[in-house]
Amino acid sequence: MRLLKFIKAMFTSVPRLSPADCADRIRSGQALLIDVREPGEWDRGVAKHAVLLPLSDLNGPRRHWRPVLEQAAGRELVLYCAVGGRATIAAKLLAVEGFRAANGGGLADWAAAGWPTEHPPKR
């Protein structure tokens, strides 16, 4: 069943949003900004207010994703990664499950748009 969902996701379209397209919705809480990079990449910096949820957990046991998705019901999910590829995959997988998900590009896009970045707390 998981393979069928993955195949369906690859043929699902999701919007590509710039930081300017969704910054107000994220600040107001209408949308949730999610960093889907892997934990070792977060040490290089993350977008402020982003929830850190690796793509590997979305495709796996969802220990970290499950509670966030339960609380995010009805909110738009804007996902970013290093350059946008993994954000596209995550957004498509979530869209197949009925979530409003969009590819928010890469961390450099957010930084270039003036979105503050920070170093996450040590794990």
C-alpha atoms as a PDB file:
ATOM      1  CA  MET A   1       0.000   0.000   0.000  1.00  0.00           C
ATOM      2  CA  ARG A   2       2.860   2.390   0.775  1.00  0.00           C
ATOM      3  CA  LEU A   3       4.294   1.896  -2.742  1.00  0.00           C
ATOM      4  CA  LEU A   4       0.921   2.716  -4.304  1.00  0.00           C
ATOM      5  CA  LYS A   5       0.710   5.938  -2.272  1.00  0.00           C
ATOM      6  CA  PHE A   6       4.238   6.891  -3.334  1.00  0.00           C
ATOM      7  CA  ILE A   7       3.436   6.299  -7.014  1.00  0.00           C
ATOM      8  CA  LYS A   8       0.242   8.338  -6.723  1.00  0.00           C
ATOM      9  CA  ALA A   9       2.184  11.136  -5.020  1.00  0.00           C
ATOM     10  CA  MET A  10       4.663  11.378  -7.885  1.00  0.00           C
ATOM     11  CA  PHE A  11       1.771  12.221 -10.218  1.00  0.00           C
ATOM     12  CA  THR A  12       0.253  14.731  -7.797  1.00  0.00           C
ATOM     13  CA  SER A  13       0.755  18.432  -8.376  1.00  0.00           C
ATOM     14  CA  VAL A  14       1.613  20.805  -5.534  1.00  0.00           C
ATOM     15  CA  PRO A  15       2.169  24.560  -5.677  1.00  0.00           C
ATOM     16  CA  ARG A  16       5.641  26.080  -5.494  1.00  0.00           C
ATOM     17  CA  LEU A  17       5.475  29.126  -3.226  1.00  0.00           C
ATOM     18  CA  SER A  18       8.043  31.815  -2.643  1.00  0.00           C
ATOM     19  CA  PRO A  19       8.592  33.120   0.888  1.00  0.00           C
ATOM     20  CA  ALA A  20       6.725  36.294  -0.107  1.00  0.00           C
ATOM     21  CA  ASP A  21       3.714  34.184  -1.165  1.00  0.00           C
ATOM     22  CA  CYS A  22       3.193  32.710   2.276  1.00  0.00           C
ATOM     23  CA  ALA A  23       5.139  34.733   4.873  1.00  0.00           C
ATOM     24  CA  ASP A  24       2.036  36.463   6.258  1.00  0.00           C
ATOM     25  CA  ARG A  25       0.158  33.151   6.603  1.00  0.00           C
ATOM     26  CA  ILE A  26       3.103  31.619   8.450  1.00  0.00           C
ATOM     27  CA  ARG A  27       3.457  34.601  10.793  1.00  0.00           C
ATOM     28  CA  SER A  28      -0.276  34.548  11.559  1.00  0.00           C
ATOM     29  CA  GLY A  29      -0.316  30.802  12.222  1.00  0.00           C
ATOM     30  CA  GLN A  30      -2.549  29.950   9.257  1.00  0.00           C
ATOM     31  CA  ALA A  31       0.341  28.051   7.678  1.00  0.00           C
ATOM     32  CA  LEU A  32       3.073  25.961   9.219  1.00  0.00           C
ATOM     33  CA  LEU A  33       6.666  26.186   7.942  1.00  0.00           C
ATOM     34  CA  ILE A  34       8.436  22.810   7.987  1.00  0.00           C
ATOM     35  CA  ASP A  35      12.104  22.046   7.346  1.00  0.00           C
ATOM     36  CA  VAL A  36      12.318  18.527   5.854  1.00  0.00           C
ATOM     37  CA  ARG A  37      16.106  18.306   5.771  1.00  0.00           C
ATOM     38  CA  GLU A  38      17.838  15.669   7.864  1.00  0.00           C
ATOM     39  CA  PRO A  39      19.020  16.502  11.408  1.00  0.00           C
ATOM     40  CA  GLY A  40      22.700  16.796  10.437  1.00  0.00           C
ATOM     41  CA  GLU A  41      21.769  19.602   8.038  1.00  0.00           C
ATOM     42  CA  TRP A  42      19.951  21.686  10.636  1.00  0.00           C
ATOM     43  CA  ASP A  43      23.236  22.613  12.309  1.00  0.00           C
ATOM     44  CA  ARG A  44      23.935  24.910   9.332  1.00  0.00           C
ATOM     45  CA  GLY A  45      20.896  26.987  10.255  1.00  0.00           C
ATOM     46  CA  VAL A  46      17.118  26.827   9.942  1.00  0.00           C
ATOM     47  CA  ALA A  47      14.382  29.294   9.108  1.00  0.00           C
ATOM     48  CA  LYS A  48      13.043  30.920  12.260  1.00  0.00           C
ATOM     49  CA  HIS A  49       9.734  29.406  13.408  1.00  0.00           C
ATOM     50  CA  ALA A  50      10.213  26.304  11.237  1.00  0.00           C
ATOM     51  CA  VAL A  51       9.255  22.928  12.625  1.00  0.00           C
ATOM     52  CA  LEU A  52      12.132  20.484  12.071  1.00  0.00           C
ATOM     53  CA  LEU A  53      10.768  17.227  10.652  1.00  0.00           C
ATOM     54  CA  PRO A  54      13.047  15.073   8.486  1.00  0.00           C
ATOM     55  CA  LEU A  55      11.745  13.570   5.272  1.00  0.00           C
ATOM     56  CA  SER A  56      13.103  10.193   6.400  1.00  0.00           C
ATOM     57  CA  ASP A  57      10.619  10.189   9.299  1.00  0.00           C
ATOM     58  CA  LEU A  58       7.734  11.116   6.991  1.00  0.00           C
ATOM     59  CA  ASN A  59       8.608   8.093   4.848  1.00  0.00           C
ATOM     60  CA  GLY A  60       9.225   5.939   7.917  1.00  0.00           C
ATOM     61  CA  PRO A  61       7.751   5.556  11.388  1.00  0.00           C
ATOM     62  CA  ARG A  62       6.492   9.162  11.678  1.00  0.00           C
ATOM     63  CA  ARG A  63       7.485   9.422  15.337  1.00  0.00           C
ATOM     64  CA  HIS A  64       8.011  13.156  14.919  1.00  0.00           C
ATOM     65  CA  TRP A  65       5.596  13.860  12.074  1.00  0.00           C
ATOM     66  CA  ARG A  66       2.468  12.206  13.522  1.00  0.00           C
ATOM     67  CA  PRO A  67       1.842  14.620  16.437  1.00  0.00           C
ATOM     68  CA  VAL A  68       2.551  17.676  14.279  1.00  0.00           C
ATOM     69  CA  LEU A  69       0.178  16.506  11.547  1.00  0.00           C
ATOM     70  CA  GLU A  70      -2.537  15.812  14.115  1.00  0.00           C
ATOM     71  CA  GLN A  71      -2.214  19.364  15.465  1.00  0.00           C
ATOM     72  CA  ALA A  72      -1.916  20.924  11.996  1.00  0.00           C
ATOM     73  CA  ALA A  73      -5.374  19.854  10.842  1.00  0.00           C
ATOM     74  CA  GLY A  74      -6.768  22.518   8.510  1.00  0.00           C
ATOM     75  CA  ARG A  75      -3.530  24.494   8.286  1.00  0.00           C
ATOM     76  CA  GLU A  76      -1.476  24.882   5.153  1.00  0.00           C
ATOM     77  CA  LEU A  77       1.905  23.134   5.281  1.00  0.00           C
ATOM     78  CA  VAL A  78       4.805  24.933   3.587  1.00  0.00           C
ATOM     79  CA  LEU A  79       7.842  22.685   3.287  1.00  0.00           C
ATOM     80  CA  TYR A  80      11.415  23.607   2.490  1.00  0.00           C
ATOM     81  CA  CYS A  81      14.717  21.745   2.301  1.00  0.00           C
ATOM     82  CA  ALA A  82      18.178  22.599   0.968  1.00  0.00           C
ATOM     83  CA  VAL A  83      17.089  23.487  -2.584  1.00  0.00           C
ATOM     84  CA  GLY A  84      13.479  22.329  -2.981  1.00  0.00           C
ATOM     85  CA  GLY A  85      13.621  18.727  -4.237  1.00  0.00           C
ATOM     86  CA  ARG A  86      12.836  16.972  -0.976  1.00  0.00           C
ATOM     87  CA  ALA A  87      10.236  19.623  -0.156  1.00  0.00           C
ATOM     88  CA  THR A  88       8.445  18.685  -3.380  1.00  0.00           C
ATOM     89  CA  ILE A  89       8.455  14.995  -2.460  1.00  0.00           C
ATOM     90  CA  ALA A  90       7.168  15.681   1.064  1.00  0.00           C
ATOM     91  CA  ALA A  91       4.467  18.066  -0.181  1.00  0.00           C
ATOM     92  CA  LYS A  92       3.249  15.519  -2.724  1.00  0.00           C
ATOM     93  CA  LEU A  93       3.114  12.724  -0.150  1.00  0.00           C
ATOM     94  CA  LEU A  94       1.134  14.940   2.217  1.00  0.00           C
ATOM     95  CA  ALA A  95      -1.188  16.156  -0.546  1.00  0.00           C
ATOM     96  CA  VAL A  96      -2.105  12.544  -1.363  1.00  0.00           C
ATOM     97  CA  GLU A  97      -3.109  12.190   2.299  1.00  0.00           C
ATOM     98  CA  GLY A  98      -5.407  15.206   2.045  1.00  0.00           C
ATOM     99  CA  PHE A  99      -3.200  17.938   3.517  1.00  0.00           C
ATOM    100  CA  ARG A 100      -2.824  21.371   1.905  1.00  0.00           C
ATOM    101  CA  ALA A 101       0.890  21.217   1.261  1.00  0.00           C
ATOM    102  CA  ALA A 102       3.221  23.342  -0.837  1.00  0.00           C
ATOM    103  CA  ASN A 103       6.876  23.377  -1.809  1.00  0.00           C
ATOM    104  CA  GLY A 104       8.489  26.414  -0.221  1.00  0.00           C
ATOM    105  CA  GLY A 105      11.845  25.906  -1.969  1.00  0.00           C
ATOM    106  CA  GLY A 106      15.177  25.946  -0.209  1.00  0.00           C
ATOM    107  CA  LEU A 107      16.582  27.557   2.904  1.00  0.00           C
ATOM    108  CA  ALA A 108      18.612  29.970   0.748  1.00  0.00           C
ATOM    109  CA  ASP A 109      15.336  31.252  -0.768  1.00  0.00           C
ATOM    110  CA  TRP A 110      14.044  32.079   2.706  1.00  0.00           C
ATOM    111  CA  ALA A 111      17.281  33.739   3.782  1.00  0.00           C
ATOM    112  CA  ALA A 112      17.472  35.766   0.539  1.00  0.00           C
ATOM    113  CA  ALA A 113      13.908  36.982   1.129  1.00  0.00           C
ATOM    114  CA  GLY A 114      14.960  38.352   4.517  1.00  0.00           C
ATOM    115  CA  TRP A 115      13.357  35.609   6.609  1.00  0.00           C
ATOM    116  CA  PRO A 116      15.413  35.264   9.805  1.00  0.00           C
ATOM    117  CA  THR A 117      17.460  32.128  10.262  1.00  0.00           C
ATOM    118  CA  GLU A 118      18.797  30.687  13.494  1.00  0.00           C
ATOM    119  CA  HIS A 119      20.755  27.750  14.820  1.00  0.00           C
ATOM    120  CA  PRO A 120      18.516  25.133  16.414  1.00  0.00           C
ATOM    121  CA  PRO A 121      19.054  24.045  20.004  1.00  0.00           C
ATOM    122  CA  LYS A 122      21.570  21.236  20.424  1.00  0.00           C
ATOM    123  CA  ARG A 123      20.014  17.783  20.336  1.00  0.00           C
END
